[in-house]
Amino acid sequence: MKVFFSHLQNSLHWNLDAIPKARKTLSLKTIVLFLQVFFIVLLFALSNKSIAGLVDFSNGLYEFVAKKFGPEAPHRLQIMQSNVRQMKTTAGPHLKTNLLKSKDIQLEMPLLKRTNDFYNQVPYFTDLEHWGVDDYWATPVELVASFGGDCEDYAIAKYMTLKDLGVPVERLRITYVRAIKIGETHMVLAYYPTPDGDPWILDNLIPEIKHGSERTDLIPVYSFNDDDLWLANGTARKGGASTVRLWRDVIEKMDRESKL
């Protein structure tokens, strides 16, 4: 069944002929006031656009994924939207403040578990199988709408979701590892309750969230978030994440998605 999406139509039309001639000649004061109001409204609109949430999907985006990934894709995004919004309600508006005050992992663990479980339901495919290329990092929208992805896609979606919920970025690190049991490079999301603490690992290989010290099957290579990049020895490079080309591509794709 074909899915159709309606667009809001702007029904406001200016009819200058209907304006009395006496009002067509505006004073300089009126023009200045009008421009001030216009720019305030414009700045407000731009501000709202810049803080759009991860799942504030537009009709244009729904149409785009329906054409690209099939008629079920919009429904999958709606399920994602519902889940993330429910988690936001659970987290509350002051999650970041509460996390910074608390040392109790139980405050954020329900959100970590639900985020991990939700994205791990998406079927695993290699990039070559799913995208036809050797290495492709998908946005959360692409992961869910296409209903397939690999370890990088899961880790990115979990990172973006937790960040959107209000989890401090400095506690999240997308981490490249060597997975000993499968003999491959792999990617997970690490959550650090404290900067030097033992991180919790969100992984698609196992359903449980365990401490990094328990995951002896994983050897860290490097990690990054929005701000920094860390090498395996703990050395940090401020702004180093921008050097990860595929990460830049993800950010650019998400920006394009937000403008559809």
C-alpha atoms as a PDB file:
ATOM      1  CA  MET A   1       0.000   0.000   0.000  1.00  0.00           C
ATOM      2  CA  LYS A   2       1.376   3.369  -0.960  1.00  0.00           C
ATOM      3  CA  VAL A   3       1.922   5.858   1.840  1.00  0.00           C
ATOM      4  CA  PHE A   4       1.021   9.499   1.238  1.00  0.00           C
ATOM      5  CA  PHE A   5       1.981  12.455   3.373  1.00  0.00           C
ATOM      6  CA  SER A   6       0.216  15.793   3.318  1.00  0.00           C
ATOM      7  CA  HIS A   7       2.006  19.124   3.386  1.00  0.00           C
ATOM      8  CA  LEU A   8       0.859  22.192   5.258  1.00  0.00           C
ATOM      9  CA  GLN A   9      -0.105  24.870   2.762  1.00  0.00           C
ATOM     10  CA  ASN A  10       0.414  28.541   3.412  1.00  0.00           C
ATOM     11  CA  SER A  11      -2.979  30.158   2.808  1.00  0.00           C
ATOM     12  CA  LEU A  12      -1.931  33.688   3.732  1.00  0.00           C
ATOM     13  CA  HIS A  13      -1.958  36.122   0.787  1.00  0.00           C
ATOM     14  CA  TRP A  14      -1.281  39.851   0.835  1.00  0.00           C
ATOM     15  CA  ASN A  15      -3.709  41.939  -1.163  1.00  0.00           C
ATOM     16  CA  LEU A  16      -2.225  45.419  -1.390  1.00  0.00           C
ATOM     17  CA  ASP A  17      -5.199  46.772  -3.271  1.00  0.00           C
ATOM     18  CA  ALA A  18      -7.367  46.099  -0.229  1.00  0.00           C
ATOM     19  CA  ILE A  19      -5.181  48.324   1.963  1.00  0.00           C
ATOM     20  CA  PRO A  20      -6.416  51.907   2.238  1.00  0.00           C
ATOM     21  CA  LYS A  21      -4.118  54.336   0.436  1.00  0.00           C
ATOM     22  CA  ALA A  22      -3.622  56.334   3.613  1.00  0.00           C
ATOM     23  CA  ARG A  23      -1.929  53.290   5.178  1.00  0.00           C
ATOM     24  CA  LYS A  24       0.374  52.523   2.247  1.00  0.00           C
ATOM     25  CA  THR A  25       2.722  55.326   3.151  1.00  0.00           C
ATOM     26  CA  LEU A  26       4.596  54.102   6.212  1.00  0.00           C
ATOM     27  CA  SER A  27       6.584  56.335   8.516  1.00  0.00           C
ATOM     28  CA  LEU A  28      10.273  55.673   9.148  1.00  0.00           C
ATOM     29  CA  LYS A  29       9.444  54.822  12.752  1.00  0.00           C
ATOM     30  CA  THR A  30       6.918  52.211  11.645  1.00  0.00           C
ATOM     31  CA  ILE A  31       9.392  50.669   9.197  1.00  0.00           C
ATOM     32  CA  VAL A  32      12.098  50.441  11.888  1.00  0.00           C
ATOM     33  CA  LEU A  33       9.637  48.840  14.315  1.00  0.00           C
ATOM     34  CA  PHE A  34       8.546  46.370  11.651  1.00  0.00           C
ATOM     35  CA  LEU A  35      12.137  45.383  10.901  1.00  0.00           C
ATOM     36  CA  GLN A  36      12.886  44.914  14.605  1.00  0.00           C
ATOM     37  CA  VAL A  37       9.910  42.592  15.021  1.00  0.00           C
ATOM     38  CA  PHE A  38      10.815  40.757  11.812  1.00  0.00           C
ATOM     39  CA  PHE A  39      14.368  40.030  12.952  1.00  0.00           C
ATOM     40  CA  ILE A  40      13.208  38.940  16.417  1.00  0.00           C
ATOM     41  CA  VAL A  41      10.800  36.468  14.821  1.00  0.00           C
ATOM     42  CA  LEU A  42      13.511  35.312  12.409  1.00  0.00           C
ATOM     43  CA  LEU A  43      16.028  34.719  15.206  1.00  0.00           C
ATOM     44  CA  PHE A  44      13.400  32.840  17.201  1.00  0.00           C
ATOM     45  CA  ALA A  45      12.649  30.614  14.210  1.00  0.00           C
ATOM     46  CA  LEU A  46      16.338  29.929  13.590  1.00  0.00           C
ATOM     47  CA  SER A  47      16.847  29.156  17.260  1.00  0.00           C
ATOM     48  CA  ASN A  48      14.001  26.672  17.256  1.00  0.00           C
ATOM     49  CA  LYS A  49      15.406  25.054  14.119  1.00  0.00           C
ATOM     50  CA  SER A  50      18.840  24.673  15.685  1.00  0.00           C
ATOM     51  CA  ILE A  51      17.494  22.858  18.751  1.00  0.00           C
ATOM     52  CA  ALA A  52      15.296  20.445  16.810  1.00  0.00           C
ATOM     53  CA  GLY A  53      15.394  17.052  18.457  1.00  0.00           C
ATOM     54  CA  LEU A  54      16.675  13.798  17.015  1.00  0.00           C
ATOM     55  CA  VAL A  55      13.167  12.548  16.225  1.00  0.00           C
ATOM     56  CA  ASP A  56      11.499  15.786  15.141  1.00  0.00           C
ATOM     57  CA  PHE A  57      10.834  14.289  11.725  1.00  0.00           C
ATOM     58  CA  SER A  58       9.295  16.337   8.925  1.00  0.00           C
ATOM     59  CA  ASN A  59       6.834  15.218   6.260  1.00  0.00           C
ATOM     60  CA  GLY A  60       9.634  15.758   3.759  1.00  0.00           C
ATOM     61  CA  LEU A  61      11.812  13.252   5.582  1.00  0.00           C
ATOM     62  CA  TYR A  62       8.997  10.699   5.742  1.00  0.00           C
ATOM     63  CA  GLU A  63       8.488  11.045   1.988  1.00  0.00           C
ATOM     64  CA  PHE A  64      12.224  10.734   1.379  1.00  0.00           C
ATOM     65  CA  VAL A  65      12.633   7.472   3.329  1.00  0.00           C
ATOM     66  CA  ALA A  66       9.462   6.008   1.794  1.00  0.00           C
ATOM     67  CA  LYS A  67      10.918   6.511  -1.679  1.00  0.00           C
ATOM     68  CA  LYS A  68      14.381   5.300  -0.725  1.00  0.00           C
ATOM     69  CA  PHE A  69      13.648   2.405   1.648  1.00  0.00           C
ATOM     70  CA  GLY A  70      10.055   1.417   0.908  1.00  0.00           C
ATOM     71  CA  PRO A  71       6.560   2.147   2.281  1.00  0.00           C
ATOM     72  CA  GLU A  72       7.288   0.624   5.716  1.00  0.00           C
ATOM     73  CA  ALA A  73      10.184   2.991   6.393  1.00  0.00           C
ATOM     74  CA  PRO A  74       8.054   5.896   7.716  1.00  0.00           C
ATOM     75  CA  HIS A  75       6.309   3.544  10.148  1.00  0.00           C
ATOM     76  CA  ARG A  76       9.655   2.364  11.490  1.00  0.00           C
ATOM     77  CA  LEU A  77      10.699   5.977  12.056  1.00  0.00           C
ATOM     78  CA  GLN A  78       7.432   6.602  13.897  1.00  0.00           C
ATOM     79  CA  ILE A  79       8.241   3.697  16.224  1.00  0.00           C
ATOM     80  CA  MET A  80      11.680   5.204  16.825  1.00  0.00           C
ATOM     81  CA  GLN A  81      10.092   8.593  17.454  1.00  0.00           C
ATOM     82  CA  SER A  82       7.651   7.133  19.978  1.00  0.00           C
ATOM     83  CA  ASN A  83      10.409   5.291  21.849  1.00  0.00           C
ATOM     84  CA  VAL A  84      12.739   8.267  22.065  1.00  0.00           C
ATOM     85  CA  ARG A  85       9.953  10.596  23.167  1.00  0.00           C
ATOM     86  CA  GLN A  86       8.877   8.148  25.871  1.00  0.00           C
ATOM     87  CA  MET A  87      12.462   7.999  27.098  1.00  0.00           C
ATOM     88  CA  LYS A  88      12.599  11.801  27.128  1.00  0.00           C
ATOM     89  CA  THR A  89       9.503  11.872  29.302  1.00  0.00           C
ATOM     90  CA  THR A  90      11.077   9.336  31.643  1.00  0.00           C
ATOM     91  CA  ALA A  91      14.371  11.232  31.748  1.00  0.00           C
ATOM     92  CA  GLY A  92      12.693  14.572  32.411  1.00  0.00           C
ATOM     93  CA  PRO A  93      13.947  18.024  31.422  1.00  0.00           C
ATOM     94  CA  HIS A  94      16.735  18.122  34.002  1.00  0.00           C
ATOM     95  CA  LEU A  95      18.494  14.820  33.284  1.00  0.00           C
ATOM     96  CA  LYS A  96      21.896  16.393  32.660  1.00  0.00           C
ATOM     97  CA  THR A  97      21.771  18.412  35.883  1.00  0.00           C
ATOM     98  CA  ASN A  98      20.638  15.373  37.865  1.00  0.00           C
ATOM     99  CA  LEU A  99      23.357  13.176  36.382  1.00  0.00           C
ATOM    100  CA  LEU A 100      26.062  15.675  37.224  1.00  0.00           C
ATOM    101  CA  LYS A 101      24.847  15.756  40.831  1.00  0.00           C
ATOM    102  CA  SER A 102      24.403  12.004  41.207  1.00  0.00           C
ATOM    103  CA  LYS A 103      26.959   9.216  41.529  1.00  0.00           C
ATOM    104  CA  ASP A 104      24.306   6.510  41.301  1.00  0.00           C
ATOM    105  CA  ILE A 105      24.412   4.660  37.974  1.00  0.00           C
ATOM    106  CA  GLN A 106      20.813   3.552  38.564  1.00  0.00           C
ATOM    107  CA  LEU A 107      19.633   6.992  37.470  1.00  0.00           C
ATOM    108  CA  GLU A 108      20.820   6.539  33.890  1.00  0.00           C
ATOM    109  CA  MET A 109      20.971   2.737  33.580  1.00  0.00           C
ATOM    110  CA  PRO A 110      17.283   2.365  32.522  1.00  0.00           C
ATOM    111  CA  LEU A 111      17.928   4.799  29.644  1.00  0.00           C
ATOM    112  CA  LEU A 112      21.140   3.010  28.653  1.00  0.00           C
ATOM    113  CA  LYS A 113      19.343  -0.347  28.625  1.00  0.00           C
ATOM    114  CA  ARG A 114      16.338   0.835  26.683  1.00  0.00           C
ATOM    115  CA  THR A 115      18.497   2.599  24.099  1.00  0.00           C
ATOM    116  CA  ASN A 116      20.742  -0.442  23.742  1.00  0.00           C
ATOM    117  CA  ASP A 117      17.816  -2.869  23.431  1.00  0.00           C
ATOM    118  CA  PHE A 118      15.893  -0.752  20.934  1.00  0.00           C
ATOM    119  CA  TYR A 119      18.647  -0.392  18.337  1.00  0.00           C
ATOM    120  CA  ASN A 120      19.925  -3.937  18.792  1.00  0.00           C
ATOM    121  CA  GLN A 121      16.584  -5.134  17.394  1.00  0.00           C
ATOM    122  CA  VAL A 122      17.573  -3.847  13.954  1.00  0.00           C
ATOM    123  CA  PRO A 123      18.939  -6.759  11.862  1.00  0.00           C
ATOM    124  CA  TYR A 124      22.689  -6.904  11.313  1.00  0.00           C
ATOM    125  CA  PHE A 125      24.092  -6.641   7.794  1.00  0.00           C
ATOM    126  CA  THR A 126      27.589  -5.894   6.600  1.00  0.00           C
ATOM    127  CA  ASP A 127      28.054  -2.615   4.752  1.00  0.00           C
ATOM    128  CA  LEU A 128      28.706  -4.525   1.550  1.00  0.00           C
ATOM    129  CA  GLU A 129      25.432  -6.448   1.913  1.00  0.00           C
ATOM    130  CA  HIS A 130      23.343  -3.473   2.950  1.00  0.00           C
ATOM    131  CA  TRP A 131      24.891  -0.456   1.230  1.00  0.00           C
ATOM    132  CA  GLY A 132      27.016  -2.012  -1.499  1.00  0.00           C
ATOM    133  CA  VAL A 133      30.258  -0.451  -0.206  1.00  0.00           C
ATOM    134  CA  ASP A 134      33.030  -1.674   2.081  1.00  0.00           C
ATOM    135  CA  ASP A 135      32.569   0.958   4.786  1.00  0.00           C
ATOM    136  CA  TYR A 136      29.501   3.132   5.391  1.00  0.00           C
ATOM    137  CA  TRP A 137      28.402   4.921   8.561  1.00  0.00           C
ATOM    138  CA  ALA A 138      24.636   5.401   8.631  1.00  0.00           C
ATOM    139  CA  THR A 139      22.649   8.042  10.455  1.00  0.00           C
ATOM    140  CA  PRO A 140      20.078   6.847  13.034  1.00  0.00           C
ATOM    141  CA  VAL A 141      17.369   7.608  10.465  1.00  0.00           C
ATOM    142  CA  GLU A 142      19.089   5.464   7.829  1.00  0.00           C
ATOM    143  CA  LEU A 143      19.631   2.612  10.306  1.00  0.00           C
ATOM    144  CA  VAL A 144      15.989   2.442  11.367  1.00  0.00           C
ATOM    145  CA  ALA A 145      14.336   3.349   8.056  1.00  0.00           C
ATOM    146  CA  SER A 146      16.382   0.831   6.064  1.00  0.00           C
ATOM    147  CA  PHE A 147      16.030  -1.713   8.906  1.00  0.00           C
ATOM    148  CA  GLY A 148      19.616  -2.861   8.732  1.00  0.00           C
ATOM    149  CA  GLY A 149      23.083  -1.872   9.780  1.00  0.00           C
ATOM    150  CA  ASP A 150      26.355  -2.907  11.363  1.00  0.00           C
ATOM    151  CA  CYS A 151      28.274  -2.142  14.550  1.00  0.00           C
ATOM    152  CA  GLU A 152      29.158   1.457  13.638  1.00  0.00           C
ATOM    153  CA  ASP A 153      25.518   2.253  12.904  1.00  0.00           C
ATOM    154  CA  TYR A 154      24.301   0.833  16.223  1.00  0.00           C
ATOM    155  CA  ALA A 155      26.946   2.726  18.198  1.00  0.00           C
ATOM    156  CA  ILE A 156      26.207   6.026  16.414  1.00  0.00           C
ATOM    157  CA  ALA A 157      22.435   5.695  16.899  1.00  0.00           C
ATOM    158  CA  LYS A 158      22.878   4.958  20.620  1.00  0.00           C
ATOM    159  CA  TYR A 159      25.245   7.905  21.011  1.00  0.00           C
ATOM    160  CA  MET A 160      22.932  10.333  19.228  1.00  0.00           C
ATOM    161  CA  THR A 161      19.893   9.129  21.178  1.00  0.00           C
ATOM    162  CA  LEU A 162      21.495   9.421  24.614  1.00  0.00           C
ATOM    163  CA  LYS A 163      22.872  12.841  23.719  1.00  0.00           C
ATOM    164  CA  ASP A 164      19.389  13.901  22.625  1.00  0.00           C
ATOM    165  CA  LEU A 165      17.971  12.711  25.954  1.00  0.00           C
ATOM    166  CA  GLY A 166      20.367  15.021  27.781  1.00  0.00           C
ATOM    167  CA  VAL A 167      23.197  12.685  28.735  1.00  0.00           C
ATOM    168  CA  PRO A 168      26.407  14.782  28.886  1.00  0.00           C
ATOM    169  CA  VAL A 169      28.517  14.257  25.762  1.00  0.00           C
ATOM    170  CA  GLU A 170      31.677  14.047  27.864  1.00  0.00           C
ATOM    171  CA  ARG A 171      30.356  10.774  29.305  1.00  0.00           C
ATOM    172  CA  LEU A 172      29.857   9.173  25.891  1.00  0.00           C
ATOM    173  CA  ARG A 173      32.548   7.767  23.633  1.00  0.00           C
ATOM    174  CA  ILE A 174      32.085   5.898  20.377  1.00  0.00           C
ATOM    175  CA  THR A 175      34.858   3.339  20.669  1.00  0.00           C
ATOM    176  CA  TYR A 176      36.707   1.329  18.043  1.00  0.00           C
ATOM    177  CA  VAL A 177      37.879  -2.017  19.401  1.00  0.00           C
ATOM    178  CA  ARG A 178      39.378  -5.262  18.273  1.00  0.00           C
ATOM    179  CA  ALA A 179      36.832  -8.012  18.963  1.00  0.00           C
ATOM    180  CA  ILE A 180      38.944 -11.066  19.748  1.00  0.00           C
ATOM    181  CA  LYS A 181      36.218 -13.707  19.488  1.00  0.00           C
ATOM    182  CA  ILE A 182      35.149 -12.718  15.989  1.00  0.00           C
ATOM    183  CA  GLY A 183      38.616 -11.604  14.920  1.00  0.00           C
ATOM    184  CA  GLU A 184      37.429  -8.286  13.524  1.00  0.00           C
ATOM    185  CA  THR A 185      37.489  -4.580  14.210  1.00  0.00           C
ATOM    186  CA  HIS A 186      34.297  -3.572  15.928  1.00  0.00           C
ATOM    187  CA  MET A 187      32.567  -0.501  17.344  1.00  0.00           C
ATOM    188  CA  VAL A 188      30.722  -0.012  20.625  1.00  0.00           C
ATOM    189  CA  LEU A 189      29.427   2.882  22.701  1.00  0.00           C
ATOM    190  CA  ALA A 190      31.140   3.430  26.052  1.00  0.00           C
ATOM    191  CA  TYR A 191      29.433   5.322  28.873  1.00  0.00           C
ATOM    192  CA  TYR A 192      31.737   6.829  31.512  1.00  0.00           C
ATOM    193  CA  PRO A 193      29.968   7.744  34.797  1.00  0.00           C
ATOM    194  CA  THR A 194      33.240   9.466  35.759  1.00  0.00           C
ATOM    195  CA  PRO A 195      36.109  10.565  33.467  1.00  0.00           C
ATOM    196  CA  ASP A 196      38.539   7.948  34.766  1.00  0.00           C
ATOM    197  CA  GLY A 197      35.982   5.315  35.719  1.00  0.00           C
ATOM    198  CA  ASP A 198      35.330   1.861  34.340  1.00  0.00           C
ATOM    199  CA  PRO A 199      32.931   2.485  31.429  1.00  0.00           C
ATOM    200  CA  TRP A 200      29.726   0.637  30.699  1.00  0.00           C
ATOM    201  CA  ILE A 201      29.736  -0.905  27.214  1.00  0.00           C
ATOM    202  CA  LEU A 202      26.687  -0.801  24.926  1.00  0.00           C
ATOM    203  CA  ASP A 203      27.273  -3.440  22.272  1.00  0.00           C
ATOM    204  CA  ASN A 204      25.308  -5.310  19.631  1.00  0.00           C
ATOM    205  CA  LEU A 205      27.305  -8.534  20.093  1.00  0.00           C
ATOM    206  CA  ILE A 206      25.768  -9.248  23.493  1.00  0.00           C
ATOM    207  CA  PRO A 207      22.477  -7.972  24.997  1.00  0.00           C
ATOM    208  CA  GLU A 208      23.887  -7.166  28.447  1.00  0.00           C
ATOM    209  CA  ILE A 209      25.546  -3.875  29.347  1.00  0.00           C
ATOM    210  CA  LYS A 210      28.780  -4.730  31.130  1.00  0.00           C
ATOM    211  CA  HIS A 211      31.754  -2.870  32.500  1.00  0.00           C
ATOM    212  CA  GLY A 212      34.683  -2.453  30.147  1.00  0.00           C
ATOM    213  CA  SER A 213      36.831  -4.442  32.596  1.00  0.00           C
ATOM    214  CA  GLU A 214      34.470  -7.395  32.097  1.00  0.00           C
ATOM    215  CA  ARG A 215      34.732  -7.242  28.324  1.00  0.00           C
ATOM    216  CA  THR A 216      38.095  -8.958  28.036  1.00  0.00           C
ATOM    217  CA  ASP A 217      37.082  -9.940  24.497  1.00  0.00           C
ATOM    218  CA  LEU A 218      37.427  -6.304  23.387  1.00  0.00           C
ATOM    219  CA  ILE A 219      40.717  -4.443  22.934  1.00  0.00           C
ATOM    220  CA  PRO A 220      40.266  -0.647  22.641  1.00  0.00           C
ATOM    221  CA  VAL A 221      41.906   1.073  19.664  1.00  0.00           C
ATOM    222  CA  TYR A 222      40.566   4.634  19.830  1.00  0.00           C
ATOM    223  CA  SER A 223      37.419   6.480  20.872  1.00  0.00           C
ATOM    224  CA  PHE A 224      35.761   9.818  20.166  1.00  0.00           C
ATOM    225  CA  ASN A 225      32.732  12.015  20.761  1.00  0.00           C
ATOM    226  CA  ASP A 226      31.619  15.397  19.449  1.00  0.00           C
ATOM    227  CA  ASP A 227      34.564  17.147  21.059  1.00  0.00           C
ATOM    228  CA  ASP A 228      37.585  14.891  21.402  1.00  0.00           C
ATOM    229  CA  LEU A 229      39.423  11.819  20.202  1.00  0.00           C
ATOM    230  CA  TRP A 230      41.272   9.454  22.536  1.00  0.00           C
ATOM    231  CA  LEU A 231      43.970   6.943  21.652  1.00  0.00           C
ATOM    232  CA  ALA A 232      44.191   3.574  23.398  1.00  0.00           C
ATOM    233  CA  ASN A 233      46.832   4.901  25.821  1.00  0.00           C
ATOM    234  CA  GLY A 234      44.409   7.575  27.038  1.00  0.00           C
ATOM    235  CA  THR A 235      45.993  10.476  25.151  1.00  0.00           C
ATOM    236  CA  ALA A 236      43.308  12.976  24.127  1.00  0.00           C
ATOM    237  CA  ARG A 237      43.249  15.254  21.103  1.00  0.00           C
ATOM    238  CA  LYS A 238      40.936  18.230  21.473  1.00  0.00           C
ATOM    239  CA  GLY A 239      38.727  18.481  18.430  1.00  0.00           C
ATOM    240  CA  GLY A 240      40.238  15.310  17.037  1.00  0.00           C
ATOM    241  CA  ALA A 241      36.862  13.811  16.200  1.00  0.00           C
ATOM    242  CA  SER A 242      36.648  16.157  13.206  1.00  0.00           C
ATOM    243  CA  THR A 243      39.514  14.229  11.627  1.00  0.00           C
ATOM    244  CA  VAL A 244      37.359  11.081  11.404  1.00  0.00           C
ATOM    245  CA  ARG A 245      36.053  11.451   7.856  1.00  0.00           C
ATOM    246  CA  LEU A 246      33.100   9.079   8.140  1.00  0.00           C
ATOM    247  CA  TRP A 247      31.998  10.824  11.333  1.00  0.00           C
ATOM    248  CA  ARG A 248      31.959  14.145   9.479  1.00  0.00           C
ATOM    249  CA  ASP A 249      29.874  12.490   6.777  1.00  0.00           C
ATOM    250  CA  VAL A 250      27.313  11.330   9.357  1.00  0.00           C
ATOM    251  CA  ILE A 251      26.978  14.822  10.822  1.00  0.00           C
ATOM    252  CA  GLU A 252      26.521  16.317   7.348  1.00  0.00           C
ATOM    253  CA  LYS A 253      23.889  13.713   6.422  1.00  0.00           C
ATOM    254  CA  MET A 254      21.979  14.363   9.651  1.00  0.00           C
ATOM    255  CA  ASP A 255      22.018  18.064   8.865  1.00  0.00           C
ATOM    256  CA  ARG A 256      20.577  17.385   5.413  1.00  0.00           C
ATOM    257  CA  GLU A 257      17.900  15.127   6.916  1.00  0.00           C
ATOM    258  CA  SER A 258      16.866  17.896   9.299  1.00  0.00           C
ATOM    259  CA  LYS A 259      16.275  20.236   6.338  1.00  0.00           C
ATOM    260  CA  LEU A 260      14.056  17.932   4.290  1.00  0.00           C
END
